[in-house]
Amino acid sequence: MGTIGMVFGLAGLAFAFIANSRLNKLEDKLKELDILDKEFGNKERII
């Protein structure tokens, strides 16, 4: 059962990184189109 848990854990981690990068791209595009303020979410990004 340990191997299956590790596989699902790694798959979840990969999914999280992909989802985070897509959200960052969306945020940048919305800022570019002046839908979001330029200061919106000026925290450090993970990726």
C-alpha atoms as a PDB file:
ATOM      1  CA  MET A   1       0.000   0.000   0.000  1.00  0.00           C
ATOM      2  CA  GLY A   2       2.970   2.341   0.507  1.00  0.00           C
ATOM      3  CA  THR A   3       3.889   2.313  -3.174  1.00  0.00           C
ATOM      4  CA  ILE A   4       0.337   3.144  -4.251  1.00  0.00           C
ATOM      5  CA  GLY A   5       0.226   6.044  -1.799  1.00  0.00           C
ATOM      6  CA  MET A   6       3.492   7.413  -3.127  1.00  0.00           C
ATOM      7  CA  VAL A   7       2.268   7.173  -6.731  1.00  0.00           C
ATOM      8  CA  PHE A   8      -0.929   9.048  -5.885  1.00  0.00           C
ATOM      9  CA  GLY A   9       1.038  11.576  -3.849  1.00  0.00           C
ATOM     10  CA  LEU A  10       3.397  12.303  -6.725  1.00  0.00           C
ATOM     11  CA  ALA A  11       0.490  12.518  -9.161  1.00  0.00           C
ATOM     12  CA  GLY A  12      -1.238  14.991  -6.842  1.00  0.00           C
ATOM     13  CA  LEU A  13       1.939  17.047  -6.544  1.00  0.00           C
ATOM     14  CA  ALA A  14       2.324  17.172 -10.326  1.00  0.00           C
ATOM     15  CA  PHE A  15      -1.321  18.199 -10.689  1.00  0.00           C
ATOM     16  CA  ALA A  16      -0.842  20.956  -8.098  1.00  0.00           C
ATOM     17  CA  PHE A  17       2.192  22.391  -9.921  1.00  0.00           C
ATOM     18  CA  ILE A  18       0.382  22.351 -13.270  1.00  0.00           C
ATOM     19  CA  ALA A  19      -2.749  23.956 -11.806  1.00  0.00           C
ATOM     20  CA  ASN A  20      -0.678  26.616 -10.047  1.00  0.00           C
ATOM     21  CA  SER A  21       1.202  27.546 -13.213  1.00  0.00           C
ATOM     22  CA  ARG A  22      -2.066  27.803 -15.183  1.00  0.00           C
ATOM     23  CA  LEU A  23      -3.572  30.051 -12.501  1.00  0.00           C
ATOM     24  CA  ASN A  24      -0.497  32.282 -12.599  1.00  0.00           C
ATOM     25  CA  LYS A  25      -0.825  32.587 -16.390  1.00  0.00           C
ATOM     26  CA  LEU A  26      -4.525  33.434 -16.050  1.00  0.00           C
ATOM     27  CA  GLU A  27      -3.767  36.065 -13.415  1.00  0.00           C
ATOM     28  CA  ASP A  28      -1.122  37.646 -15.668  1.00  0.00           C
ATOM     29  CA  LYS A  29      -3.522  37.734 -18.616  1.00  0.00           C
ATOM     30  CA  LEU A  30      -6.292  39.314 -16.529  1.00  0.00           C
ATOM     31  CA  LYS A  31      -3.857  41.969 -15.282  1.00  0.00           C
ATOM     32  CA  GLU A  32      -2.755  42.610 -18.859  1.00  0.00           C
ATOM     33  CA  LEU A  33      -6.383  43.148 -19.926  1.00  0.00           C
ATOM     34  CA  ASP A  34      -6.957  45.493 -16.927  1.00  0.00           C
ATOM     35  CA  ILE A  35      -9.599  43.216 -15.438  1.00  0.00           C
ATOM     36  CA  LEU A  36      -7.545  42.819 -12.262  1.00  0.00           C
ATOM     37  CA  ASP A  37      -5.571  45.542 -10.517  1.00  0.00           C
ATOM     38  CA  LYS A  38      -1.835  45.476 -11.153  1.00  0.00           C
ATOM     39  CA  GLU A  39      -1.245  45.066  -7.392  1.00  0.00           C
ATOM     40  CA  PHE A  40      -3.568  42.067  -7.109  1.00  0.00           C
ATOM     41  CA  GLY A  41      -1.762  39.110  -5.545  1.00  0.00           C
ATOM     42  CA  ASN A  42       1.705  40.614  -5.362  1.00  0.00           C
ATOM     43  CA  LYS A  43       2.785  37.796  -3.070  1.00  0.00           C
ATOM     44  CA  GLU A  44       5.634  35.490  -3.978  1.00  0.00           C
ATOM     45  CA  ARG A  45       4.733  32.761  -6.427  1.00  0.00           C
ATOM     46  CA  ILE A  46       5.637  29.152  -5.891  1.00  0.00           C
ATOM     47  CA  ILE A  47       6.748  28.597  -9.464  1.00  0.00           C
END
